[in-house]
Amino acid sequence: MEVFSEDLGLQDIIHSDYDKAVDYAIKNNCIYINAYHPSQRNAMKKEDYINGIVEIVREHSSEIDFSI
């Protein structure tokens, strides 16, 4: 996320409470999620990887415009 956060003007990058390896930011009714594929993290199960991303979306779904 560090690569494109400046271009998108993302200032408040949050580290997920569910999965410390997932970062996200919310801006203009959009959520930007930075998550490494589980194959890049030896100790993580695929199920935990997916659940971490789903939990972020659930937690912030009221802030996101899904019609975009």
N, C-alpha and C. Protein backbone atom coordinates (compact mmCIF):
# COMPACT_ATOMS: atom_id res chain seq x y z
N MET A 1 0.83 -1.17 0.00
CA MET A 1 0.00 0.00 0.00
C MET A 1 0.88 1.25 0.00
N GLU A 2 2.08 1.11 0.50
CA GLU A 2 2.98 2.25 0.54
C GLU A 2 3.28 2.78 -0.85
N VAL A 3 3.23 1.92 -1.85
CA VAL A 3 3.56 2.30 -3.21
C VAL A 3 2.53 3.28 -3.79
N PHE A 4 1.25 3.05 -3.54
CA PHE A 4 0.22 3.87 -4.16
C PHE A 4 -0.55 4.76 -3.19
N SER A 5 -0.28 4.70 -1.89
CA SER A 5 -1.06 5.48 -0.93
C SER A 5 -0.91 6.98 -1.14
N GLU A 6 0.27 7.42 -1.50
CA GLU A 6 0.47 8.85 -1.74
C GLU A 6 -0.29 9.30 -2.99
N ASP A 7 -0.26 8.49 -4.05
CA ASP A 7 -0.97 8.83 -5.27
C ASP A 7 -2.49 8.94 -5.04
N LEU A 8 -3.02 8.09 -4.17
CA LEU A 8 -4.45 8.10 -3.89
C LEU A 8 -4.82 9.04 -2.75
N GLY A 9 -3.83 9.61 -2.11
CA GLY A 9 -4.09 10.51 -1.00
C GLY A 9 -4.57 9.79 0.25
N LEU A 10 -4.13 8.56 0.44
CA LEU A 10 -4.52 7.79 1.62
C LEU A 10 -3.58 8.14 2.77
N GLN A 11 -4.12 8.79 3.77
CA GLN A 11 -3.30 9.23 4.88
C GLN A 11 -3.44 8.34 6.11
N ASP A 12 -4.62 7.84 6.36
CA ASP A 12 -4.87 7.04 7.56
C ASP A 12 -4.90 5.56 7.21
N ILE A 13 -3.74 4.94 7.16
CA ILE A 13 -3.64 3.51 6.87
C ILE A 13 -3.75 2.76 8.19
N ILE A 14 -4.66 1.81 8.24
CA ILE A 14 -4.97 1.09 9.47
C ILE A 14 -4.47 -0.34 9.36
N HIS A 15 -3.88 -0.85 10.43
CA HIS A 15 -3.49 -2.25 10.52
C HIS A 15 -4.67 -3.01 11.12
N SER A 16 -5.10 -4.05 10.46
CA SER A 16 -6.26 -4.81 10.90
C SER A 16 -6.05 -5.41 12.28
N ASP A 17 -7.08 -5.34 13.11
CA ASP A 17 -7.04 -6.01 14.41
C ASP A 17 -7.14 -7.52 14.24
N TYR A 18 -7.87 -7.95 13.21
CA TYR A 18 -8.07 -9.38 12.98
C TYR A 18 -6.80 -10.02 12.45
N ASP A 19 -6.15 -9.36 11.52
CA ASP A 19 -4.96 -9.92 10.88
C ASP A 19 -3.94 -8.79 10.76
N LYS A 20 -2.93 -8.82 11.58
CA LYS A 20 -1.94 -7.73 11.63
C LYS A 20 -1.19 -7.56 10.32
N ALA A 21 -1.24 -8.53 9.42
CA ALA A 21 -0.52 -8.43 8.16
C ALA A 21 -1.34 -7.74 7.07
N VAL A 22 -2.59 -7.38 7.38
CA VAL A 22 -3.45 -6.72 6.41
C VAL A 22 -3.61 -5.25 6.80
N ASP A 23 -3.33 -4.38 5.85
CA ASP A 23 -3.53 -2.93 6.04
C ASP A 23 -4.71 -2.50 5.19
N TYR A 24 -5.39 -1.46 5.64
CA TYR A 24 -6.48 -0.93 4.82
C TYR A 24 -6.66 0.55 5.10
N ALA A 25 -7.34 1.21 4.17
CA ALA A 25 -7.68 2.61 4.31
C ALA A 25 -9.03 2.84 3.68
N ILE A 26 -9.76 3.81 4.20
CA ILE A 26 -11.07 4.16 3.66
C ILE A 26 -11.02 5.62 3.24
N LYS A 27 -11.46 5.88 2.01
CA LYS A 27 -11.50 7.25 1.50
C LYS A 27 -12.57 7.34 0.43
N ASN A 28 -13.40 8.37 0.50
CA ASN A 28 -14.44 8.62 -0.51
C ASN A 28 -15.31 7.40 -0.75
N ASN A 29 -15.79 6.78 0.31
CA ASN A 29 -16.69 5.62 0.22
C ASN A 29 -16.05 4.40 -0.42
N CYS A 30 -14.74 4.35 -0.46
CA CYS A 30 -14.03 3.19 -1.00
C CYS A 30 -13.09 2.63 0.06
N ILE A 31 -12.91 1.33 0.04
CA ILE A 31 -11.96 0.71 0.95
C ILE A 31 -10.81 0.15 0.12
N TYR A 32 -9.62 0.44 0.55
CA TYR A 32 -8.40 -0.04 -0.11
C TYR A 32 -7.76 -1.04 0.83
N ILE A 33 -7.60 -2.28 0.38
CA ILE A 33 -7.06 -3.34 1.23
C ILE A 33 -5.74 -3.81 0.64
N ASN A 34 -4.74 -3.86 1.49
CA ASN A 34 -3.43 -4.38 1.11
C ASN A 34 -3.22 -5.68 1.88
N ALA A 35 -3.27 -6.78 1.16
CA ALA A 35 -3.12 -8.08 1.81
C ALA A 35 -2.21 -8.97 0.97
N TYR A 36 -1.16 -9.44 1.59
CA TYR A 36 -0.28 -10.38 0.89
C TYR A 36 -0.99 -11.71 0.74
N HIS A 37 -0.74 -12.37 -0.36
CA HIS A 37 -1.30 -13.70 -0.59
C HIS A 37 -0.75 -14.65 0.47
N PRO A 38 -1.57 -15.63 0.93
CA PRO A 38 -1.10 -16.53 2.00
C PRO A 38 0.19 -17.29 1.66
N SER A 39 0.46 -17.50 0.40
CA SER A 39 1.70 -18.20 0.05
C SER A 39 2.93 -17.37 0.41
N GLN A 40 2.75 -16.06 0.59
CA GLN A 40 3.85 -15.19 0.98
C GLN A 40 4.08 -15.17 2.49
N ARG A 41 3.14 -15.75 3.23
CA ARG A 41 3.25 -15.80 4.69
C ARG A 41 3.17 -17.26 5.11
N ASN A 42 4.26 -17.81 5.50
CA ASN A 42 4.37 -19.25 5.77
C ASN A 42 3.43 -19.75 6.85
N ALA A 43 3.21 -18.99 7.89
CA ALA A 43 2.45 -19.48 9.03
C ALA A 43 0.94 -19.28 8.91
N MET A 44 0.46 -18.62 7.87
CA MET A 44 -0.96 -18.31 7.79
C MET A 44 -1.72 -19.34 6.95
N LYS A 45 -2.86 -19.77 7.49
CA LYS A 45 -3.74 -20.65 6.73
C LYS A 45 -4.59 -19.82 5.78
N LYS A 46 -4.98 -20.40 4.66
CA LYS A 46 -5.80 -19.69 3.68
C LYS A 46 -7.10 -19.20 4.29
N GLU A 47 -7.69 -20.01 5.15
CA GLU A 47 -8.96 -19.64 5.79
C GLU A 47 -8.79 -18.36 6.63
N ASP A 48 -7.70 -18.26 7.36
CA ASP A 48 -7.45 -17.06 8.17
C ASP A 48 -7.23 -15.84 7.29
N TYR A 49 -6.56 -16.03 6.18
CA TYR A 49 -6.31 -14.95 5.22
C TYR A 49 -7.63 -14.37 4.70
N ILE A 50 -8.51 -15.25 4.27
CA ILE A 50 -9.80 -14.83 3.72
C ILE A 50 -10.67 -14.21 4.82
N ASN A 51 -10.71 -14.83 5.98
CA ASN A 51 -11.52 -14.31 7.07
C ASN A 51 -11.07 -12.92 7.51
N GLY A 52 -9.79 -12.66 7.46
CA GLY A 52 -9.28 -11.34 7.81
C GLY A 52 -9.80 -10.26 6.89
N ILE A 53 -9.80 -10.53 5.60
CA ILE A 53 -10.30 -9.57 4.62
C ILE A 53 -11.81 -9.39 4.76
N VAL A 54 -12.53 -10.50 4.93
CA VAL A 54 -13.98 -10.44 5.10
C VAL A 54 -14.34 -9.63 6.34
N GLU A 55 -13.60 -9.81 7.41
CA GLU A 55 -13.88 -9.09 8.65
C GLU A 55 -13.71 -7.58 8.48
N ILE A 56 -12.71 -7.16 7.73
CA ILE A 56 -12.52 -5.74 7.46
C ILE A 56 -13.72 -5.17 6.70
N VAL A 57 -14.17 -5.88 5.69
CA VAL A 57 -15.32 -5.40 4.90
C VAL A 57 -16.58 -5.38 5.75
N ARG A 58 -16.81 -6.40 6.55
CA ARG A 58 -17.98 -6.41 7.42
C ARG A 58 -17.96 -5.24 8.40
N GLU A 59 -16.82 -5.02 9.00
CA GLU A 59 -16.68 -3.97 10.01
C GLU A 59 -16.95 -2.58 9.43
N HIS A 60 -16.60 -2.37 8.17
CA HIS A 60 -16.71 -1.04 7.57
C HIS A 60 -17.72 -0.96 6.44
N SER A 61 -18.60 -1.93 6.31
CA SER A 61 -19.53 -1.95 5.17
C SER A 61 -20.46 -0.74 5.15
N SER A 62 -20.77 -0.17 6.30
CA SER A 62 -21.65 0.99 6.32
C SER A 62 -20.96 2.24 5.78
N GLU A 63 -19.64 2.22 5.68
CA GLU A 63 -18.87 3.36 5.19
C GLU A 63 -18.54 3.26 3.71
N ILE A 64 -18.93 2.15 3.08
CA ILE A 64 -18.52 1.88 1.71
C ILE A 64 -19.72 1.94 0.78
N ASP A 65 -19.54 2.55 -0.38
CA ASP A 65 -20.56 2.61 -1.40
C ASP A 65 -20.31 1.47 -2.38
N PHE A 66 -21.07 0.37 -2.27
CA PHE A 66 -20.84 -0.81 -3.09
C PHE A 66 -21.38 -0.66 -4.51
N SER A 67 -22.05 0.45 -4.82
CA SER A 67 -22.59 0.63 -6.15
C SER A 67 -21.57 1.14 -7.15
N ILE A 68 -20.40 1.51 -6.66
CA ILE A 68 -19.36 2.06 -7.56
C ILE A 68 -18.82 0.97 -8.45
